Amino acid sequence: MTELAGLQPLPRKPSAIILDHNWWGFIYNPCGVQIRHLIGVDKILWSSDFPHHHGDWPRSVAIVEEQFAGVDEEEKFQIVRGNALERYGIETDGPKTYQEEVAATRR
């Protein structure tokens, strides 16, 4: 493949590069939840967008339960909380993984 306008060809497809370098955030997106494995569960961030009026607060918990119906609890934890903790380096006294959350509820 030759260069175009002085640019070298990409080493991989743009879709592969995007998946490596982007995080996908959403407020309400049942379809996005359903295709989470195409995007990568580790690259998706849920948001309530509190305190903005278009967010789902104060119904955030109900909305999450509705959108994530049938989703594995570990994946739900990762998208709703775990990925944000990791991505932004958030320190918390609360559970950092789904396994820690389960252990905390059994005490």
PDB file of N, CA and C in Angstrom:
ATOM      1  N   MET A   1       0.856  -1.176   0.000  1.00  0.00           N
ATOM      2  CA  MET A   1       0.000   0.000   0.000  1.00  0.00           C
ATOM      3  C   MET A   1       0.904   1.242   0.000  1.00  0.00           C
ATOM      4  N   THR A   2       0.564   2.219  -0.773  1.00  0.00           N
ATOM      5  CA  THR A   2       1.375   3.432  -0.854  1.00  0.00           C
ATOM      6  C   THR A   2       0.835   4.478   0.090  1.00  0.00           C
ATOM      7  N   GLU A   3       1.698   5.435   0.401  1.00  0.00           N
ATOM      8  CA  GLU A   3       1.239   6.508   1.283  1.00  0.00           C
ATOM      9  C   GLU A   3       0.361   7.478   0.511  1.00  0.00           C
ATOM     10  N   LEU A   4      -0.523   8.122   1.250  1.00  0.00           N
ATOM     11  CA  LEU A   4      -1.466   9.061   0.657  1.00  0.00           C
ATOM     12  C   LEU A   4      -1.294  10.401   1.351  1.00  0.00           C
ATOM     13  N   ALA A   5      -1.044  11.443   0.589  1.00  0.00           N
ATOM     14  CA  ALA A   5      -0.866  12.788   1.130  1.00  0.00           C
ATOM     15  C   ALA A   5       0.208  12.823   2.213  1.00  0.00           C
ATOM     16  N   GLY A   6       1.238  11.980   2.043  1.00  0.00           N
ATOM     17  CA  GLY A   6       2.336  11.973   3.006  1.00  0.00           C
ATOM     18  C   GLY A   6       2.073  11.158   4.259  1.00  0.00           C
ATOM     19  N   LEU A   7       0.919  10.490   4.331  1.00  0.00           N
ATOM     20  CA  LEU A   7       0.578   9.684   5.504  1.00  0.00           C
ATOM     21  C   LEU A   7       0.860   8.216   5.238  1.00  0.00           C
ATOM     22  N   GLN A   8       1.416   7.568   6.225  1.00  0.00           N
ATOM     23  CA  GLN A   8       1.661   6.134   6.118  1.00  0.00           C
ATOM     24  C   GLN A   8       0.365   5.386   6.395  1.00  0.00           C
ATOM     25  N   PRO A   9       0.197   4.205   5.814  1.00  0.00           N
ATOM     26  CA  PRO A   9      -0.996   3.392   6.108  1.00  0.00           C
ATOM     27  C   PRO A   9      -1.011   3.011   7.586  1.00  0.00           C
ATOM     28  N   LEU A  10      -2.190   2.870   8.127  1.00  0.00           N
ATOM     29  CA  LEU A  10      -2.323   2.444   9.521  1.00  0.00           C
ATOM     30  C   LEU A  10      -1.885   0.992   9.651  1.00  0.00           C
ATOM     31  N   PRO A  11      -1.285   0.647  10.786  1.00  0.00           N
ATOM     32  CA  PRO A  11      -0.824  -0.731  10.967  1.00  0.00           C
ATOM     33  C   PRO A  11      -1.970  -1.718  11.196  1.00  0.00           C
ATOM     34  N   ARG A  12      -3.130  -1.203  11.619  1.00  0.00           N
ATOM     35  CA  ARG A  12      -4.302  -2.047  11.857  1.00  0.00           C
ATOM     36  C   ARG A  12      -5.545  -1.289  11.423  1.00  0.00           C
ATOM     37  N   LYS A  13      -6.667  -1.969  11.428  1.00  0.00           N
ATOM     38  CA  LYS A  13      -7.930  -1.319  11.076  1.00  0.00           C
ATOM     39  C   LYS A  13      -8.250  -0.222  12.093  1.00  0.00           C
ATOM     40  N   PRO A  14      -8.864   0.881  11.654  1.00  0.00           N
ATOM     41  CA  PRO A  14      -9.258   1.931  12.594  1.00  0.00           C
ATOM     42  C   PRO A  14     -10.136   1.406  13.738  1.00  0.00           C
ATOM     43  N   SER A  15     -11.002   0.450  13.455  1.00  0.00           N
ATOM     44  CA  SER A  15     -11.870  -0.088  14.498  1.00  0.00           C
ATOM     45  C   SER A  15     -11.067  -0.762  15.610  1.00  0.00           C
ATOM     46  N   ALA A  16      -9.975  -1.417  15.274  1.00  0.00           N
ATOM     47  CA  ALA A  16      -9.129  -2.055  16.288  1.00  0.00           C
ATOM     48  C   ALA A  16      -8.396  -1.002  17.113  1.00  0.00           C
ATOM     49  N   ILE A  17      -7.938   0.050  16.467  1.00  0.00           N
ATOM     50  CA  ILE A  17      -7.240   1.123  17.177  1.00  0.00           C
ATOM     51  C   ILE A  17      -8.195   1.831  18.131  1.00  0.00           C
ATOM     52  N   ILE A  18      -9.415   2.101  17.679  1.00  0.00           N
ATOM     53  CA  ILE A  18     -10.416   2.751  18.532  1.00  0.00           C
ATOM     54  C   ILE A  18     -10.699   1.909  19.769  1.00  0.00           C
ATOM     55  N   LEU A  19     -10.871   0.614  19.598  1.00  0.00           N
ATOM     56  CA  LEU A  19     -11.168  -0.241  20.746  1.00  0.00           C
ATOM     57  C   LEU A  19     -10.026  -0.261  21.753  1.00  0.00           C
ATOM     58  N   ASP A  20      -8.799  -0.089  21.307  1.00  0.00           N
ATOM     59  CA  ASP A  20      -7.653  -0.062  22.214  1.00  0.00           C
ATOM     60  C   ASP A  20      -7.524   1.255  22.984  1.00  0.00           C
ATOM     61  N   HIS A  21      -8.019   2.341  22.406  1.00  0.00           N
ATOM     62  CA  HIS A  21      -7.721   3.652  22.972  1.00  0.00           C
ATOM     63  C   HIS A  21      -8.915   4.461  23.459  1.00  0.00           C
ATOM     64  N   ASN A  22     -10.109   3.940  23.338  1.00  0.00           N
ATOM     65  CA  ASN A  22     -11.291   4.706  23.729  1.00  0.00           C
ATOM     66  C   ASN A  22     -12.095   3.996  24.796  1.00  0.00           C
ATOM     67  N   TRP A  23     -12.728   4.788  25.637  1.00  0.00           N
ATOM     68  CA  TRP A  23     -13.686   4.308  26.626  1.00  0.00           C
ATOM     69  C   TRP A  23     -15.046   4.814  26.169  1.00  0.00           C
ATOM     70  N   TRP A  24     -16.095   4.030  26.384  1.00  0.00           N
ATOM     71  CA  TRP A  24     -17.429   4.340  25.899  1.00  0.00           C
ATOM     72  C   TRP A  24     -18.327   4.599  27.099  1.00  0.00           C
ATOM     73  N   GLY A  25     -18.830   5.811  27.211  1.00  0.00           N
ATOM     74  CA  GLY A  25     -19.713   6.169  28.316  1.00  0.00           C
ATOM     75  C   GLY A  25     -21.144   6.330  27.847  1.00  0.00           C
ATOM     76  N   PHE A  26     -22.074   6.036  28.732  1.00  0.00           N
ATOM     77  CA  PHE A  26     -23.478   6.212  28.391  1.00  0.00           C
ATOM     78  C   PHE A  26     -24.275   6.483  29.656  1.00  0.00           C
ATOM     79  N   ILE A  27     -25.436   7.100  29.481  1.00  0.00           N
ATOM     80  CA  ILE A  27     -26.369   7.320  30.574  1.00  0.00           C
ATOM     81  C   ILE A  27     -27.480   6.286  30.475  1.00  0.00           C
ATOM     82  N   TYR A  28     -28.140   6.248  29.345  1.00  0.00           N
ATOM     83  CA  TYR A  28     -29.215   5.280  29.133  1.00  0.00           C
ATOM     84  C   TYR A  28     -29.047   4.698  27.742  1.00  0.00           C
ATOM     85  N   ASN A  29     -28.677   3.428  27.666  1.00  0.00           N
ATOM     86  CA  ASN A  29     -28.428   2.817  26.372  1.00  0.00           C
ATOM     87  C   ASN A  29     -28.591   1.303  26.468  1.00  0.00           C
ATOM     88  N   PRO A  30     -29.845   0.823  26.515  1.00  0.00           N
ATOM     89  CA  PRO A  30     -30.065  -0.624  26.595  1.00  0.00           C
ATOM     90  C   PRO A  30     -29.393  -1.392  25.452  1.00  0.00           C
ATOM     91  N   CYS A  31     -29.351  -0.814  24.259  1.00  0.00           N
ATOM     92  CA  CYS A  31     -28.691  -1.491  23.134  1.00  0.00           C
ATOM     93  C   CYS A  31     -27.189  -1.601  23.373  1.00  0.00           C
ATOM     94  N   GLY A  32     -26.593  -0.555  23.921  1.00  0.00           N
ATOM     95  CA  GLY A  32     -25.171  -0.588  24.237  1.00  0.00           C
ATOM     96  C   GLY A  32     -24.841  -1.668  25.250  1.00  0.00           C
ATOM     97  N   VAL A  33     -25.722  -1.858  26.214  1.00  0.00           N
ATOM     98  CA  VAL A  33     -25.525  -2.919  27.200  1.00  0.00           C
ATOM     99  C   VAL A  33     -25.569  -4.274  26.506  1.00  0.00           C
ATOM    100  N   GLN A  34     -26.484  -4.441  25.568  1.00  0.00           N
ATOM    101  CA  GLN A  34     -26.620  -5.718  24.879  1.00  0.00           C
ATOM    102  C   GLN A  34     -25.406  -6.058  24.005  1.00  0.00           C
ATOM    103  N   ILE A  35     -24.746  -5.050  23.442  1.00  0.00           N
ATOM    104  CA  ILE A  35     -23.589  -5.310  22.575  1.00  0.00           C
ATOM    105  C   ILE A  35     -22.259  -5.090  23.310  1.00  0.00           C
ATOM    106  N   ARG A  36     -22.300  -5.138  24.615  1.00  0.00           N
ATOM    107  CA  ARG A  36     -21.123  -4.844  25.436  1.00  0.00           C
ATOM    108  C   ARG A  36     -19.913  -5.711  25.094  1.00  0.00           C
ATOM    109  N   HIS A  37     -20.131  -6.919  24.631  1.00  0.00           N
ATOM    110  CA  HIS A  37     -19.005  -7.799  24.317  1.00  0.00           C
ATOM    111  C   HIS A  37     -18.337  -7.415  22.999  1.00  0.00           C
ATOM    112  N   LEU A  38     -19.047  -6.733  22.122  1.00  0.00           N
ATOM    113  CA  LEU A  38     -18.425  -6.239  20.887  1.00  0.00           C
ATOM    114  C   LEU A  38     -17.493  -5.070  21.189  1.00  0.00           C
ATOM    115  N   ILE A  39     -17.883  -4.257  22.150  1.00  0.00           N
ATOM    116  CA  ILE A  39     -17.093  -3.087  22.546  1.00  0.00           C
ATOM    117  C   ILE A  39     -15.981  -3.498  23.496  1.00  0.00           C
ATOM    118  N   GLY A  40     -16.320  -4.371  24.431  1.00  0.00           N
ATOM    119  CA  GLY A  40     -15.399  -4.785  25.492  1.00  0.00           C
ATOM    120  C   GLY A  40     -15.928  -4.288  26.825  1.00  0.00           C
ATOM    121  N   VAL A  41     -16.325  -5.190  27.683  1.00  0.00           N
ATOM    122  CA  VAL A  41     -16.901  -4.829  28.984  1.00  0.00           C
ATOM    123  C   VAL A  41     -15.945  -3.939  29.772  1.00  0.00           C
ATOM    124  N   ASP A  42     -14.662  -4.117  29.564  1.00  0.00           N
ATOM    125  CA  ASP A  42     -13.661  -3.331  30.299  1.00  0.00           C
ATOM    126  C   ASP A  42     -13.500  -1.914  29.766  1.00  0.00           C
ATOM    127  N   LYS A  43     -14.222  -1.546  28.716  1.00  0.00           N
ATOM    128  CA  LYS A  43     -14.101  -0.208  28.118  1.00  0.00           C
ATOM    129  C   LYS A  43     -15.395   0.596  28.194  1.00  0.00           C
ATOM    130  N   ILE A  44     -16.363   0.149  29.005  1.00  0.00           N
ATOM    131  CA  ILE A  44     -17.658   0.815  29.065  1.00  0.00           C
ATOM    132  C   ILE A  44     -17.863   1.422  30.451  1.00  0.00           C
ATOM    133  N   LEU A  45     -18.360   2.661  30.482  1.00  0.00           N
ATOM    134  CA  LEU A  45     -18.620   3.378  31.726  1.00  0.00           C
ATOM    135  C   LEU A  45     -20.073   3.855  31.752  1.00  0.00           C
ATOM    136  N   TRP A  46     -20.827   3.424  32.755  1.00  0.00           N
ATOM    137  CA  TRP A  46     -22.192   3.915  32.930  1.00  0.00           C
ATOM    138  C   TRP A  46     -22.143   5.210  33.738  1.00  0.00           C
ATOM    139  N   SER A  47     -23.117   6.077  33.522  1.00  0.00           N
ATOM    140  CA  SER A  47     -23.200   7.339  34.262  1.00  0.00           C
ATOM    141  C   SER A  47     -24.646   7.699  34.537  1.00  0.00           C
ATOM    142  N   SER A  48     -24.872   8.301  35.691  1.00  0.00           N
ATOM    143  CA  SER A  48     -26.210   8.834  35.977  1.00  0.00           C
ATOM    144  C   SER A  48     -26.287  10.301  35.566  1.00  0.00           C
ATOM    145  N   ASP A  49     -25.137  10.909  35.318  1.00  0.00           N
ATOM    146  CA  ASP A  49     -24.997  12.315  34.953  1.00  0.00           C
ATOM    147  C   ASP A  49     -25.605  13.244  36.002  1.00  0.00           C
ATOM    148  N   PHE A  50     -25.630  12.801  37.251  1.00  0.00           N
ATOM    149  CA  PHE A  50     -26.079  13.658  38.344  1.00  0.00           C
ATOM    150  C   PHE A  50     -25.150  14.849  38.429  1.00  0.00           C
ATOM    151  N   PRO A  51     -25.593  16.047  38.620  1.00  0.00           N
ATOM    152  CA  PRO A  51     -26.930  16.528  38.945  1.00  0.00           C
ATOM    153  C   PRO A  51     -27.664  17.142  37.762  1.00  0.00           C
ATOM    154  N   HIS A  52     -27.278  16.838  36.550  1.00  0.00           N
ATOM    155  CA  HIS A  52     -27.931  17.449  35.391  1.00  0.00           C
ATOM    156  C   HIS A  52     -29.354  16.918  35.201  1.00  0.00           C
ATOM    157  N   HIS A  53     -30.232  17.764  34.722  1.00  0.00           N
ATOM    158  CA  HIS A  53     -31.654  17.426  34.611  1.00  0.00           C
ATOM    159  C   HIS A  53     -31.940  16.267  33.662  1.00  0.00           C
ATOM    160  N   HIS A  54     -31.076  16.015  32.691  1.00  0.00           N
ATOM    161  CA  HIS A  54     -31.334  14.928  31.745  1.00  0.00           C
ATOM    162  C   HIS A  54     -30.812  13.574  32.246  1.00  0.00           C
ATOM    163  N   GLY A  55     -30.198  13.563  33.420  1.00  0.00           N
ATOM    164  CA  GLY A  55     -29.746  12.301  33.998  1.00  0.00           C
ATOM    165  C   GLY A  55     -30.925  11.518  34.566  1.00  0.00           C
ATOM    166  N   ASP A  56     -30.655  10.352  35.103  1.00  0.00           N
ATOM    167  CA  ASP A  56     -31.748   9.511  35.605  1.00  0.00           C
ATOM    168  C   ASP A  56     -31.915   9.559  37.118  1.00  0.00           C
ATOM    169  N   TRP A  57     -31.118  10.358  37.823  1.00  0.00           N
ATOM    170  CA  TRP A  57     -31.293  10.510  39.260  1.00  0.00           C
ATOM    171  C   TRP A  57     -32.624  11.199  39.530  1.00  0.00           C
ATOM    172  N   PRO A  58     -33.410  10.814  40.477  1.00  0.00           N
ATOM    173  CA  PRO A  58     -33.155   9.900  41.599  1.00  0.00           C
ATOM    174  C   PRO A  58     -33.550   8.448  41.320  1.00  0.00           C
ATOM    175  N   ARG A  59     -33.776   8.085  40.076  1.00  0.00           N
ATOM    176  CA  ARG A  59     -34.179   6.716  39.731  1.00  0.00           C
ATOM    177  C   ARG A  59     -33.009   5.877  39.226  1.00  0.00           C
ATOM    178  N   SER A  60     -31.799   6.282  39.551  1.00  0.00           N
ATOM    179  CA  SER A  60     -30.611   5.628  39.003  1.00  0.00           C
ATOM    180  C   SER A  60     -30.585   4.123  39.256  1.00  0.00           C
ATOM    181  N   VAL A  61     -30.867   3.697  40.472  1.00  0.00           N
ATOM    182  CA  VAL A  61     -30.813   2.270  40.790  1.00  0.00           C
ATOM    183  C   VAL A  61     -31.846   1.505  39.957  1.00  0.00           C
ATOM    184  N   ALA A  62     -33.055   2.028  39.864  1.00  0.00           N
ATOM    185  CA  ALA A  62     -34.098   1.361  39.072  1.00  0.00           C
ATOM    186  C   ALA A  62     -33.721   1.313  37.595  1.00  0.00           C
ATOM    187  N   ILE A  63     -33.143   2.386  37.095  1.00  0.00           N
ATOM    188  CA  ILE A  63     -32.735   2.438  35.688  1.00  0.00           C
ATOM    189  C   ILE A  63     -31.632   1.421  35.414  1.00  0.00           C
ATOM    190  N   VAL A  64     -30.660   1.317  36.325  1.00  0.00           N
ATOM    191  CA  VAL A  64     -29.585   0.331  36.156  1.00  0.00           C
ATOM    192  C   VAL A  64     -30.170  -1.076  36.147  1.00  0.00           C
ATOM    193  N   GLU A  65     -31.073  -1.356  37.074  1.00  0.00           N
ATOM    194  CA  GLU A  65     -31.680  -2.689  37.123  1.00  0.00           C
ATOM    195  C   GLU A  65     -32.438  -2.996  35.833  1.00  0.00           C
ATOM    196  N   GLU A  66     -33.118  -2.002  35.297  1.00  0.00           N
ATOM    197  CA  GLU A  66     -33.859  -2.185  34.042  1.00  0.00           C
ATOM    198  C   GLU A  66     -32.911  -2.430  32.868  1.00  0.00           C
ATOM    199  N   GLN A  67     -31.896  -1.570  32.724  1.00  0.00           N
ATOM    200  CA  GLN A  67     -30.968  -1.687  31.600  1.00  0.00           C
ATOM    201  C   GLN A  67     -30.117  -2.944  31.653  1.00  0.00           C
ATOM    202  N   PHE A  68     -29.774  -3.368  32.860  1.00  0.00           N
ATOM    203  CA  PHE A  68     -28.858  -4.487  33.028  1.00  0.00           C
ATOM    204  C   PHE A  68     -29.572  -5.789  33.381  1.00  0.00           C
ATOM    205  N   ALA A  69     -30.865  -5.856  33.142  1.00  0.00           N
ATOM    206  CA  ALA A  69     -31.615  -7.086  33.412  1.00  0.00           C
ATOM    207  C   ALA A  69     -30.993  -8.238  32.628  1.00  0.00           C
ATOM    208  N   GLY A  70     -30.671  -9.315  33.310  1.00  0.00           N
ATOM    209  CA  GLY A  70     -30.090 -10.481  32.667  1.00  0.00           C
ATOM    210  C   GLY A  70     -28.585 -10.424  32.473  1.00  0.00           C
ATOM    211  N   VAL A  71     -27.963  -9.306  32.849  1.00  0.00           N
ATOM    212  CA  VAL A  71     -26.509  -9.170  32.701  1.00  0.00           C
ATOM    213  C   VAL A  71     -25.841  -9.774  33.936  1.00  0.00           C
ATOM    214  N   ASP A  72     -24.777 -10.504  33.726  1.00  0.00           N
ATOM    215  CA  ASP A  72     -23.981 -11.076  34.802  1.00  0.00           C
ATOM    216  C   ASP A  72     -23.630  -9.983  35.824  1.00  0.00           C
ATOM    217  N   GLU A  73     -23.777 -10.295  37.106  1.00  0.00           N
ATOM    218  CA  GLU A  73     -23.543  -9.297  38.165  1.00  0.00           C
ATOM    219  C   GLU A  73     -22.114  -8.757  38.148  1.00  0.00           C
ATOM    220  N   GLU A  74     -21.153  -9.587  37.821  1.00  0.00           N
ATOM    221  CA  GLU A  74     -19.764  -9.121  37.771  1.00  0.00           C
ATOM    222  C   GLU A  74     -19.573  -8.106  36.638  1.00  0.00           C
ATOM    223  N   GLU A  75     -20.176  -8.368  35.483  1.00  0.00           N
ATOM    224  CA  GLU A  75     -20.096  -7.415  34.371  1.00  0.00           C
ATOM    225  C   GLU A  75     -20.818  -6.118  34.716  1.00  0.00           C
ATOM    226  N   LYS A  76     -21.968  -6.232  35.354  1.00  0.00           N
ATOM    227  CA  LYS A  76     -22.709  -5.032  35.746  1.00  0.00           C
ATOM    228  C   LYS A  76     -21.870  -4.181  36.699  1.00  0.00           C
ATOM    229  N   PHE A  77     -21.260  -4.812  37.699  1.00  0.00           N
ATOM    230  CA  PHE A  77     -20.395  -4.091  38.631  1.00  0.00           C
ATOM    231  C   PHE A  77     -19.280  -3.383  37.878  1.00  0.00           C
ATOM    232  N   GLN A  78     -18.652  -4.093  36.945  1.00  0.00           N
ATOM    233  CA  GLN A  78     -17.541  -3.526  36.203  1.00  0.00           C
ATOM    234  C   GLN A  78     -17.964  -2.284  35.424  1.00  0.00           C
ATOM    235  N   ILE A  79     -19.099  -2.346  34.744  1.00  0.00           N
ATOM    236  CA  ILE A  79     -19.554  -1.217  33.932  1.00  0.00           C
ATOM    237  C   ILE A  79     -20.057  -0.064  34.795  1.00  0.00           C
ATOM    238  N   VAL A  80     -20.797  -0.381  35.841  1.00  0.00           N
ATOM    239  CA  VAL A  80     -21.414   0.661  36.671  1.00  0.00           C
ATOM    240  C   VAL A  80     -20.405   1.310  37.614  1.00  0.00           C
ATOM    241  N   ARG A  81     -19.420   0.557  38.104  1.00  0.00           N
ATOM    242  CA  ARG A  81     -18.499   1.114  39.089  1.00  0.00           C
ATOM    243  C   ARG A  81     -17.035   0.782  38.835  1.00  0.00           C
ATOM    244  N   GLY A  82     -16.733  -0.481  38.606  1.00  0.00           N
ATOM    245  CA  GLY A  82     -15.347  -0.937  38.559  1.00  0.00           C
ATOM    246  C   GLY A  82     -14.480  -0.263  37.515  1.00  0.00           C
ATOM    247  N   ASN A  83     -14.992  -0.104  36.301  1.00  0.00           N
ATOM    248  CA  ASN A  83     -14.196   0.524  35.242  1.00  0.00           C
ATOM    249  C   ASN A  83     -13.852   1.967  35.575  1.00  0.00           C
ATOM    250  N   ALA A  84     -14.783   2.701  36.165  1.00  0.00           N
ATOM    251  CA  ALA A  84     -14.510   4.098  36.535  1.00  0.00           C
ATOM    252  C   ALA A  84     -13.442   4.167  37.624  1.00  0.00           C
ATOM    253  N   LEU A  85     -13.525   3.277  38.611  1.00  0.00           N
ATOM    254  CA  LEU A  85     -12.513   3.252  39.666  1.00  0.00           C
ATOM    255  C   LEU A  85     -11.127   3.038  39.069  1.00  0.00           C
ATOM    256  N   GLU A  86     -11.042   2.088  38.157  1.00  0.00           N
ATOM    257  CA  GLU A  86      -9.753   1.781  37.525  1.00  0.00           C
ATOM    258  C   GLU A  86      -9.298   2.898  36.599  1.00  0.00           C
ATOM    259  N   ARG A  87     -10.178   3.331  35.705  1.00  0.00           N
ATOM    260  CA  ARG A  87      -9.820   4.321  34.684  1.00  0.00           C
ATOM    261  C   ARG A  87      -9.347   5.634  35.289  1.00  0.00           C
ATOM    262  N   TYR A  88     -10.045   6.078  36.324  1.00  0.00           N
ATOM    263  CA  TYR A  88      -9.731   7.383  36.907  1.00  0.00           C
ATOM    264  C   TYR A  88      -8.905   7.289  38.182  1.00  0.00           C
ATOM    265  N   GLY A  89      -8.480   6.090  38.569  1.00  0.00           N
ATOM    266  CA  GLY A  89      -7.646   5.926  39.758  1.00  0.00           C
ATOM    267  C   GLY A  89      -8.337   6.391  41.021  1.00  0.00           C
ATOM    268  N   ILE A  90      -9.622   6.115  41.137  1.00  0.00           N
ATOM    269  CA  ILE A  90     -10.403   6.566  42.289  1.00  0.00           C
ATOM    270  C   ILE A  90     -10.119   5.670  43.491  1.00  0.00           C
ATOM    271  N   GLU A  91      -9.738   6.286  44.573  1.00  0.00           N
ATOM    272  CA  GLU A  91      -9.521   5.567  45.827  1.00  0.00           C
ATOM    273  C   GLU A  91     -10.832   5.544  46.596  1.00  0.00           C
ATOM    274  N   THR A  92     -11.177   4.394  47.141  1.00  0.00           N
ATOM    275  CA  THR A  92     -12.424   4.264  47.883  1.00  0.00           C
ATOM    276  C   THR A  92     -12.243   3.271  49.021  1.00  0.00           C
ATOM    277  N   ASP A  93     -13.008   3.475  50.074  1.00  0.00           N
ATOM    278  CA  ASP A  93     -13.026   2.509  51.170  1.00  0.00           C
ATOM    279  C   ASP A  93     -13.997   1.380  50.850  1.00  0.00           C
ATOM    280  N   GLY A  94     -14.824   1.578  49.843  1.00  0.00           N
ATOM    281  CA  GLY A  94     -15.814   0.586  49.445  1.00  0.00           C
ATOM    282  C   GLY A  94     -15.207  -0.480  48.549  1.00  0.00           C
ATOM    283  N   PRO A  95     -16.022  -1.421  48.122  1.00  0.00           N
ATOM    284  CA  PRO A  95     -15.543  -2.508  47.255  1.00  0.00           C
ATOM    285  C   PRO A  95     -14.963  -1.978  45.943  1.00  0.00           C
ATOM    286  N   LYS A  96     -13.847  -2.557  45.553  1.00  0.00           N
ATOM    287  CA  LYS A  96     -13.197  -2.173  44.293  1.00  0.00           C
ATOM    288  C   LYS A  96     -13.433  -3.212  43.202  1.00  0.00           C
ATOM    289  N   THR A  97     -13.917  -4.382  43.597  1.00  0.00           N
ATOM    290  CA  THR A  97     -14.227  -5.439  42.642  1.00  0.00           C
ATOM    291  C   THR A  97     -15.558  -6.057  43.034  1.00  0.00           C
ATOM    292  N   TYR A  98     -16.139  -6.797  42.120  1.00  0.00           N
ATOM    293  CA  TYR A  98     -17.398  -7.475  42.411  1.00  0.00           C
ATOM    294  C   TYR A  98     -17.199  -8.480  43.546  1.00  0.00           C
ATOM    295  N   GLN A  99     -16.083  -9.170  43.557  1.00  0.00           N
ATOM    296  CA  GLN A  99     -15.818 -10.153  44.600  1.00  0.00           C
ATOM    297  C   GLN A  99     -15.761  -9.479  45.970  1.00  0.00           C
ATOM    298  N   GLU A 100     -15.155  -8.297  46.073  1.00  0.00           N
ATOM    299  CA  GLU A 100     -15.116  -7.557  47.339  1.00  0.00           C
ATOM    300  C   GLU A 100     -16.517  -7.133  47.754  1.00  0.00           C
ATOM    301  N   GLU A 101     -17.341  -6.742  46.794  1.00  0.00           N
ATOM    302  CA  GLU A 101     -18.718  -6.344  47.100  1.00  0.00           C
ATOM    303  C   GLU A 101     -19.503  -7.537  47.666  1.00  0.00           C
ATOM    304  N   VAL A 102     -19.360  -8.688  47.045  1.00  0.00           N
ATOM    305  CA  VAL A 102     -20.048  -9.881  47.523  1.00  0.00           C
ATOM    306  C   VAL A 102     -19.557 -10.238  48.922  1.00  0.00           C
ATOM    307  N   ALA A 103     -18.254 -10.188  49.139  1.00  0.00           N
ATOM    308  CA  ALA A 103     -17.696 -10.509  50.462  1.00  0.00           C
ATOM    309  C   ALA A 103     -18.216  -9.549  51.526  1.00  0.00           C
ATOM    310  N   ALA A 104     -18.337  -8.267  51.159  1.00  0.00           N
ATOM    311  CA  ALA A 104     -18.821  -7.265  52.124  1.00  0.00           C
ATOM    312  C   ALA A 104     -20.267  -7.490  52.501  1.00  0.00           C
ATOM    313  N   THR A 105     -21.067  -7.994  51.577  1.00  0.00           N
ATOM    314  CA  THR A 105     -22.492  -8.226  51.887  1.00  0.00           C
ATOM    315  C   THR A 105     -22.694  -9.496  52.702  1.00  0.00           C
ATOM    316  N   ARG A 106     -21.677 -10.349  52.758  1.00  0.00           N
ATOM    317  CA  ARG A 106     -21.804 -11.609  53.516  1.00  0.00           C
ATOM    318  C   ARG A 106     -21.287 -11.480  54.938  1.00  0.00           C
ATOM    319  N   ARG A 107     -20.765 -10.331  55.312  1.00  0.00           N
ATOM    320  CA  ARG A 107     -20.248 -10.143  56.678  1.00  0.00           C
ATOM    321  C   ARG A 107     -21.364 -10.000  57.657  1.00  0.00           C
TER     322      ARG A 107
END
